[in-house]
């Protein structure tokens, strides 16, 4: 999970920036966290799309098999 890594890395950078008073490092950490959250959302969307695609293919396969079975039973 690349997104999770980005979030953790960002938290560390942000904390280091706060502790050292480095506003640039703190801002970089916040940016890294935002990027990580976006990556996580994209990863989740891809997983859901793959799952939906598999369900559609399975349903189409079942419909096609029923049509074949029905055609065979007529002859």
PDB file of N, CA and C in Angstrom:
ATOM      1  N   UNK A   1       0.835  -1.188   0.000  1.00  0.00           N
ATOM      2  CA  UNK A   1       0.000   0.000   0.000  1.00  0.00           C
ATOM      3  C   UNK A   1       0.875   1.245   0.000  1.00  0.00           C
ATOM      4  N   UNK A   2       1.069   1.773  -1.143  1.00  0.00           N
ATOM      5  CA  UNK A   2       1.909   2.954  -1.274  1.00  0.00           C
ATOM      6  C   UNK A   2       1.300   4.160  -0.577  1.00  0.00           C
ATOM      7  N   UNK A   3       0.000   4.278  -0.595  1.00  0.00           N
ATOM      8  CA  UNK A   3      -0.667   5.409   0.037  1.00  0.00           C
ATOM      9  C   UNK A   3      -0.417   5.466   1.529  1.00  0.00           C
ATOM     10  N   UNK A   4      -0.458   4.318   2.161  1.00  0.00           N
ATOM     11  CA  UNK A   4      -0.220   4.265   3.606  1.00  0.00           C
ATOM     12  C   UNK A   4       1.198   4.714   3.939  1.00  0.00           C
ATOM     13  N   UNK A   5       2.144   4.315   3.103  1.00  0.00           N
ATOM     14  CA  UNK A   5       3.533   4.708   3.304  1.00  0.00           C
ATOM     15  C   UNK A   5       3.686   6.219   3.214  1.00  0.00           C
ATOM     16  N   UNK A   6       3.017   6.812   2.227  1.00  0.00           N
ATOM     17  CA  UNK A   6       3.077   8.266   2.066  1.00  0.00           C
ATOM     18  C   UNK A   6       2.496   8.984   3.289  1.00  0.00           C
ATOM     19  N   UNK A   7       1.400   8.467   3.807  1.00  0.00           N
ATOM     20  CA  UNK A   7       0.763   9.086   4.975  1.00  0.00           C
ATOM     21  C   UNK A   7       1.712   9.033   6.168  1.00  0.00           C
ATOM     22  N   UNK A   8       2.297   7.880   6.422  1.00  0.00           N
ATOM     23  CA  UNK A   8       3.212   7.731   7.562  1.00  0.00           C
ATOM     24  C   UNK A   8       4.429   8.637   7.376  1.00  0.00           C
ATOM     25  N   UNK A   9       4.996   8.619   6.177  1.00  0.00           N
ATOM     26  CA  UNK A   9       6.148   9.469   5.888  1.00  0.00           C
ATOM     27  C   UNK A   9       5.791  10.941   6.125  1.00  0.00           C
ATOM     28  N   UNK A  10       4.604  11.323   5.701  1.00  0.00           N
ATOM     29  CA  UNK A  10       4.162  12.694   5.887  1.00  0.00           C
ATOM     30  C   UNK A  10       3.992  13.066   7.350  1.00  0.00           C
ATOM     31  N   UNK A  11       3.467  12.146   8.125  1.00  0.00           N
ATOM     32  CA  UNK A  11       3.296  12.409   9.563  1.00  0.00           C
ATOM     33  C   UNK A  11       4.642  12.618  10.240  1.00  0.00           C
ATOM     34  N   UNK A  12       5.602  11.791   9.847  1.00  0.00           N
ATOM     35  CA  UNK A  12       6.944  11.912  10.423  1.00  0.00           C
ATOM     36  C   UNK A  12       7.562  13.257  10.053  1.00  0.00           C
ATOM     37  N   UNK A  13       7.469  13.614   8.771  1.00  0.00           N
ATOM     38  CA  UNK A  13       8.016  14.901   8.334  1.00  0.00           C
ATOM     39  C   UNK A  13       7.329  16.063   9.043  1.00  0.00           C
ATOM     40  N   UNK A  14       6.017  15.981   9.142  1.00  0.00           N
ATOM     41  CA  UNK A  14       5.281  17.065   9.792  1.00  0.00           C
ATOM     42  C   UNK A  14       5.713  17.206  11.256  1.00  0.00           C
ATOM     43  N   UNK A  15       5.804  16.071  11.948  1.00  0.00           N
ATOM     44  CA  UNK A  15       6.207  16.101  13.357  1.00  0.00           C
ATOM     45  C   UNK A  15       7.627  16.652  13.491  1.00  0.00           C
ATOM     46  N   UNK A  16       8.519  16.237  12.617  1.00  0.00           N
ATOM     47  CA  UNK A  16       9.896  16.747  12.661  1.00  0.00           C
ATOM     48  C   UNK A  16       9.910  18.247  12.411  1.00  0.00           C
ATOM     49  N   UNK A  17       9.075  18.695  11.480  1.00  0.00           N
ATOM     50  CA  UNK A  17       8.989  20.123  11.200  1.00  0.00           C
ATOM     51  C   UNK A  17       8.474  20.908  12.383  1.00  0.00           C
ATOM     52  N   UNK A  18       7.481  20.363  13.060  1.00  0.00           N
ATOM     53  CA  UNK A  18       6.929  21.028  14.250  1.00  0.00           C
ATOM     54  C   UNK A  18       7.985  21.085  15.349  1.00  0.00           C
ATOM     55  N   UNK A  19       8.654  19.959  15.586  1.00  0.00           N
ATOM     56  CA  UNK A  19       9.656  19.895  16.656  1.00  0.00           C
ATOM     57  C   UNK A  19      10.846  20.820  16.415  1.00  0.00           C
ATOM     58  N   UNK A  20      11.225  20.961  15.152  1.00  0.00           N
ATOM     59  CA  UNK A  20      12.395  21.786  14.833  1.00  0.00           C
ATOM     60  C   UNK A  20      12.023  23.218  14.461  1.00  0.00           C
ATOM     61  N   UNK A  21      10.737  23.491  14.360  1.00  0.00           N
ATOM     62  CA  UNK A  21      10.298  24.818  13.964  1.00  0.00           C
ATOM     63  C   UNK A  21      10.489  25.085  12.480  1.00  0.00           C
ATOM     64  N   UNK A  22      10.616  24.017  11.704  1.00  0.00           N
ATOM     65  CA  UNK A  22      10.839  24.130  10.267  1.00  0.00           C
ATOM     66  C   UNK A  22       9.485  24.074   9.552  1.00  0.00           C
ATOM     67  N   UNK A  23       8.964  25.228   9.188  1.00  0.00           N
ATOM     68  CA  UNK A  23       7.646  25.295   8.551  1.00  0.00           C
ATOM     69  C   UNK A  23       7.627  24.621   7.178  1.00  0.00           C
ATOM     70  N   UNK A  24       8.738  24.684   6.465  1.00  0.00           N
ATOM     71  CA  UNK A  24       8.800  24.047   5.146  1.00  0.00           C
ATOM     72  C   UNK A  24       8.692  22.529   5.276  1.00  0.00           C
ATOM     73  N   UNK A  25       9.408  21.955   6.219  1.00  0.00           N
ATOM     74  CA  UNK A  25       9.348  20.509   6.445  1.00  0.00           C
ATOM     75  C   UNK A  25       7.952  20.094   6.900  1.00  0.00           C
ATOM     76  N   UNK A  26       7.356  20.916   7.777  1.00  0.00           N
ATOM     77  CA  UNK A  26       5.988  20.636   8.236  1.00  0.00           C
ATOM     78  C   UNK A  26       5.023  20.638   7.059  1.00  0.00           C
ATOM     79  N   UNK A  27       5.161  21.616   6.177  1.00  0.00           N
ATOM     80  CA  UNK A  27       4.282  21.709   4.999  1.00  0.00           C
ATOM     81  C   UNK A  27       4.510  20.530   4.059  1.00  0.00           C
ATOM     82  N   UNK A  28       5.767  20.123   3.897  1.00  0.00           N
ATOM     83  CA  UNK A  28       6.056  18.946   3.057  1.00  0.00           C
ATOM     84  C   UNK A  28       5.379  17.707   3.635  1.00  0.00           C
ATOM     85  N   UNK A  29       5.407  17.595   4.943  1.00  0.00           N
ATOM     86  CA  UNK A  29       4.755  16.459   5.602  1.00  0.00           C
ATOM     87  C   UNK A  29       3.258  16.457   5.367  1.00  0.00           C
ATOM     88  N   UNK A  30       2.659  17.619   5.443  1.00  0.00           N
ATOM     89  CA  UNK A  30       1.218  17.715   5.190  1.00  0.00           C
ATOM     90  C   UNK A  30       0.899  17.365   3.733  1.00  0.00           C
ATOM     91  N   UNK A  31       1.765  17.801   2.827  1.00  0.00           N
ATOM     92  CA  UNK A  31       1.570  17.481   1.410  1.00  0.00           C
ATOM     93  C   UNK A  31       1.704  15.980   1.183  1.00  0.00           C
ATOM     94  N   UNK A  32       2.725  15.375   1.777  1.00  0.00           N
ATOM     95  CA  UNK A  32       2.912  13.925   1.646  1.00  0.00           C
ATOM     96  C   UNK A  32       1.686  13.168   2.162  1.00  0.00           C
ATOM     97  N   UNK A  33       1.127  13.641   3.270  1.00  0.00           N
ATOM     98  CA  UNK A  33      -0.067  12.985   3.811  1.00  0.00           C
ATOM     99  C   UNK A  33      -1.241  13.102   2.840  1.00  0.00           C
ATOM    100  N   UNK A  34      -1.409  14.277   2.271  1.00  0.00           N
ATOM    101  CA  UNK A  34      -2.506  14.475   1.316  1.00  0.00           C
ATOM    102  C   UNK A  34      -2.331  13.566   0.108  1.00  0.00           C
ATOM    103  N   UNK A  35      -1.102  13.481  -0.394  1.00  0.00           N
ATOM    104  CA  UNK A  35      -0.819  12.594  -1.529  1.00  0.00           C
ATOM    105  C   UNK A  35      -1.126  11.149  -1.145  1.00  0.00           C
ATOM    106  N   UNK A  36      -0.735  10.767   0.054  1.00  0.00           N
ATOM    107  CA  UNK A  36      -1.004   9.405   0.518  1.00  0.00           C
ATOM    108  C   UNK A  36      -2.487   9.096   0.592  1.00  0.00           C
ATOM    109  N   UNK A  37      -3.266  10.051   1.073  1.00  0.00           N
ATOM    110  CA  UNK A  37      -4.714   9.843   1.159  1.00  0.00           C
ATOM    111  C   UNK A  37      -5.334   9.722  -0.235  1.00  0.00           C
ATOM    112  N   UNK A  38      -4.843  10.505  -1.176  1.00  0.00           N
ATOM    113  CA  UNK A  38      -5.348  10.409  -2.558  1.00  0.00           C
ATOM    114  C   UNK A  38      -4.993   9.041  -3.131  1.00  0.00           C
ATOM    115  N   UNK A  39      -3.756   8.598  -2.920  1.00  0.00           N
ATOM    116  CA  UNK A  39      -3.348   7.278  -3.417  1.00  0.00           C
ATOM    117  C   UNK A  39      -4.210   6.175  -2.809  1.00  0.00           C
ATOM    118  N   UNK A  40      -4.506   6.294  -1.518  1.00  0.00           N
ATOM    119  CA  UNK A  40      -5.354   5.289  -0.867  1.00  0.00           C
ATOM    120  C   UNK A  40      -6.740   5.266  -1.500  1.00  0.00           C
ATOM    121  N   UNK A  41      -7.284   6.443  -1.782  1.00  0.00           N
ATOM    122  CA  UNK A  41      -8.608   6.514  -2.395  1.00  0.00           C
ATOM    123  C   UNK A  41      -8.588   5.897  -3.791  1.00  0.00           C
ATOM    124  N   UNK A  42      -7.532   6.165  -4.541  1.00  0.00           N
ATOM    125  CA  UNK A  42      -7.415   5.596  -5.886  1.00  0.00           C
ATOM    126  C   UNK A  42      -7.277   4.081  -5.808  1.00  0.00           C
ATOM    127  N   UNK A  43      -6.435   3.606  -4.909  1.00  0.00           N
ATOM    128  CA  UNK A  43      -6.259   2.162  -4.734  1.00  0.00           C
ATOM    129  C   UNK A  43      -7.582   1.488  -4.392  1.00  0.00           C
ATOM    130  N   UNK A  44      -8.352   2.116  -3.519  1.00  0.00           N
ATOM    131  CA  UNK A  44      -9.654   1.566  -3.135  1.00  0.00           C
ATOM    132  C   UNK A  44     -10.589   1.540  -4.338  1.00  0.00           C
ATOM    133  N   UNK A  45     -10.590   2.616  -5.118  1.00  0.00           N
ATOM    134  CA  UNK A  45     -11.434   2.673  -6.312  1.00  0.00           C
ATOM    135  C   UNK A  45     -11.067   1.601  -7.321  1.00  0.00           C
ATOM    136  N   UNK A  46      -9.780   1.372  -7.502  1.00  0.00           N
ATOM    137  CA  UNK A  46      -9.322   0.335  -8.432  1.00  0.00           C
ATOM    138  C   UNK A  46      -9.775  -1.038  -7.953  1.00  0.00           C
ATOM    139  N   UNK A  47      -9.613  -1.298  -6.650  1.00  0.00           N
ATOM    140  CA  UNK A  47     -10.058  -2.601  -6.108  1.00  0.00           C
ATOM    141  C   UNK A  47     -11.560  -2.795  -6.313  1.00  0.00           C
ATOM    142  N   UNK A  48     -12.338  -1.743  -6.065  1.00  0.00           N
ATOM    143  CA  UNK A  48     -13.791  -1.848  -6.232  1.00  0.00           C
ATOM    144  C   UNK A  48     -14.154  -2.050  -7.699  1.00  0.00           C
ATOM    145  N   UNK A  49     -13.458  -1.368  -8.602  1.00  0.00           N
ATOM    146  CA  UNK A  49     -13.733  -1.522 -10.030  1.00  0.00           C
ATOM    147  C   UNK A  49     -13.400  -2.942 -10.484  1.00  0.00           C
ATOM    148  N   UNK A  50     -12.279  -3.479 -10.004  1.00  0.00           N
ATOM    149  CA  UNK A  50     -11.914  -4.856 -10.355  1.00  0.00           C
ATOM    150  C   UNK A  50     -12.960  -5.844  -9.860  1.00  0.00           C
ATOM    151  N   UNK A  51     -13.416  -5.645  -8.630  1.00  0.00           N
ATOM    152  CA  UNK A  51     -14.435  -6.531  -8.054  1.00  0.00           C
ATOM    153  C   UNK A  51     -15.739  -6.444  -8.857  1.00  0.00           C
ATOM    154  N   UNK A  52     -16.141  -5.231  -9.196  1.00  0.00           N
ATOM    155  CA  UNK A  52     -17.362  -5.044  -9.982  1.00  0.00           C
ATOM    156  C   UNK A  52     -17.220  -5.697 -11.349  1.00  0.00           C
ATOM    157  N   UNK A  53     -16.058  -5.533 -11.953  1.00  0.00           N
ATOM    158  CA  UNK A  53     -15.809  -6.147 -13.256  1.00  0.00           C
ATOM    159  C   UNK A  53     -15.915  -7.665 -13.196  1.00  0.00           C
ATOM    160  N   UNK A  54     -15.335  -8.246 -12.139  1.00  0.00           N
ATOM    161  CA  UNK A  54     -15.424  -9.707 -11.980  1.00  0.00           C
ATOM    162  C   UNK A  54     -16.872 -10.155 -11.826  1.00  0.00           C
ATOM    163  N   UNK A  55     -17.658  -9.406 -11.063  1.00  0.00           N
ATOM    164  CA  UNK A  55     -19.064  -9.759 -10.869  1.00  0.00           C
ATOM    165  C   UNK A  55     -19.836  -9.685 -12.180  1.00  0.00           C
ATOM    166  N   UNK A  56     -19.557  -8.655 -12.978  1.00  0.00           N
ATOM    167  CA  UNK A  56     -20.242  -8.507 -14.269  1.00  0.00           C
ATOM    168  C   UNK A  56     -19.884  -9.659 -15.189  1.00  0.00           C
ATOM    169  N   UNK A  57     -18.600 -10.007 -15.243  1.00  0.00           N
ATOM    170  CA  UNK A  57     -18.160 -11.120 -16.096  1.00  0.00           C
ATOM    171  C   UNK A  57     -18.804 -12.421 -15.645  1.00  0.00           C
ATOM    172  N   UNK A  58     -18.844 -12.664 -14.338  1.00  0.00           N
ATOM    173  CA  UNK A  58     -19.469 -13.885 -13.821  1.00  0.00           C
ATOM    174  C   UNK A  58     -20.947 -13.940 -14.170  1.00  0.00           C
ATOM    175  N   UNK A  59     -21.622 -12.811 -14.032  1.00  0.00           N
ATOM    176  CA  UNK A  59     -23.052 -12.777 -14.348  1.00  0.00           C
ATOM    177  C   UNK A  59     -23.276 -13.031 -15.842  1.00  0.00           C
ATOM    178  N   UNK A  60     -22.456 -12.414 -16.691  1.00  0.00           N
ATOM    179  CA  UNK A  60     -22.581 -12.625 -18.138  1.00  0.00           C
ATOM    180  C   UNK A  60     -22.302 -14.083 -18.499  1.00  0.00           C
ATOM    181  N   UNK A  61     -21.315 -14.669 -17.832  1.00  0.00           N
ATOM    182  CA  UNK A  61     -20.984 -16.068 -18.070  1.00  0.00           C
ATOM    183  C   UNK A  61     -22.167 -16.968 -17.690  1.00  0.00           C
ATOM    184  N   UNK A  62     -22.801 -16.674 -16.552  1.00  0.00           N
ATOM    185  CA  UNK A  62     -23.957 -17.463 -16.114  1.00  0.00           C
ATOM    186  C   UNK A  62     -25.124 -17.329 -17.086  1.00  0.00           C
ATOM    187  N   UNK A  63     -25.374 -16.113 -17.557  1.00  0.00           N
ATOM    188  CA  UNK A  63     -26.462 -15.887 -18.516  1.00  0.00           C
ATOM    189  C   UNK A  63     -26.181 -16.641 -19.804  1.00  0.00           C
ATOM    190  N   UNK A  64     -24.944 -16.564 -20.276  1.00  0.00           N
ATOM    191  CA  UNK A  64     -24.582 -17.262 -21.515  1.00  0.00           C
ATOM    192  C   UNK A  64     -24.730 -18.776 -21.343  1.00  0.00           C
ATOM    193  N   UNK A  65     -24.304 -19.293 -20.186  1.00  0.00           N
ATOM    194  CA  UNK A  65     -24.417 -20.731 -19.944  1.00  0.00           C
ATOM    195  C   UNK A  65     -25.870 -21.174 -19.909  1.00  0.00           C
ATOM    196  N   UNK A  66     -26.736 -20.361 -19.295  1.00  0.00           N
ATOM    197  CA  UNK A  66     -28.167 -20.688 -19.269  1.00  0.00           C
ATOM    198  C   UNK A  66     -28.744 -20.700 -20.673  1.00  0.00           C
ATOM    199  N   UNK A  67     -28.312 -19.767 -21.515  1.00  0.00           N
ATOM    200  CA  UNK A  67     -28.794 -19.720 -22.897  1.00  0.00           C
ATOM    201  C   UNK A  67     -28.340 -20.959 -23.660  1.00  0.00           C
ATOM    202  N   UNK A  68     -27.105 -21.372 -23.451  1.00  0.00           N
ATOM    203  CA  UNK A  68     -26.585 -22.577 -24.112  1.00  0.00           C
ATOM    204  C   UNK A  68     -27.349 -23.802 -23.629  1.00  0.00           C
ATOM    205  N   UNK A  69     -27.545 -23.897 -22.325  1.00  0.00           N
ATOM    206  CA  UNK A  69     -28.279 -25.039 -21.772  1.00  0.00           C
ATOM    207  C   UNK A  69     -29.704 -25.090 -22.305  1.00  0.00           C
ATOM    208  N   UNK A  70     -30.330 -23.945 -22.402  1.00  0.00           N
ATOM    209  CA  UNK A  70     -31.705 -23.876 -22.912  1.00  0.00           C
ATOM    210  C   UNK A  70     -31.750 -24.286 -24.381  1.00  0.00           C
ATOM    211  N   UNK A  71     -30.787 -23.848 -25.163  1.00  0.00           N
ATOM    212  CA  UNK A  71     -30.736 -24.210 -26.582  1.00  0.00           C
ATOM    213  C   UNK A  71     -30.485 -25.703 -26.748  1.00  0.00           C
ATOM    214  N   UNK A  72     -29.658 -26.270 -25.910  1.00  0.00           N
ATOM    215  CA  UNK A  72     -29.368 -27.722 -25.979  1.00  0.00           C
ATOM    216  C   UNK A  72     -30.614 -28.541 -25.638  1.00  0.00           C
ATOM    217  N   UNK A  73     -31.391 -28.059 -24.681  1.00  0.00           N
ATOM    218  CA  UNK A  73     -32.563 -28.822 -24.250  1.00  0.00           C
ATOM    219  C   UNK A  73     -33.674 -28.795 -25.293  1.00  0.00           C
ATOM    220  N   UNK A  74     -33.660 -27.841 -26.192  1.00  0.00           N
ATOM    221  CA  UNK A  74     -34.657 -27.770 -27.249  1.00  0.00           C
ATOM    222  C   UNK A  74     -34.373 -28.757 -28.368  1.00  0.00           C
ATOM    223  N   UNK A  75     -33.155 -29.216 -28.486  1.00  0.00           N
ATOM    224  CA  UNK A  75     -32.785 -30.112 -29.603  1.00  0.00           C
ATOM    225  C   UNK A  75     -32.629 -31.498 -29.160  1.00  0.00           C
TER     226      UNK A  75
END
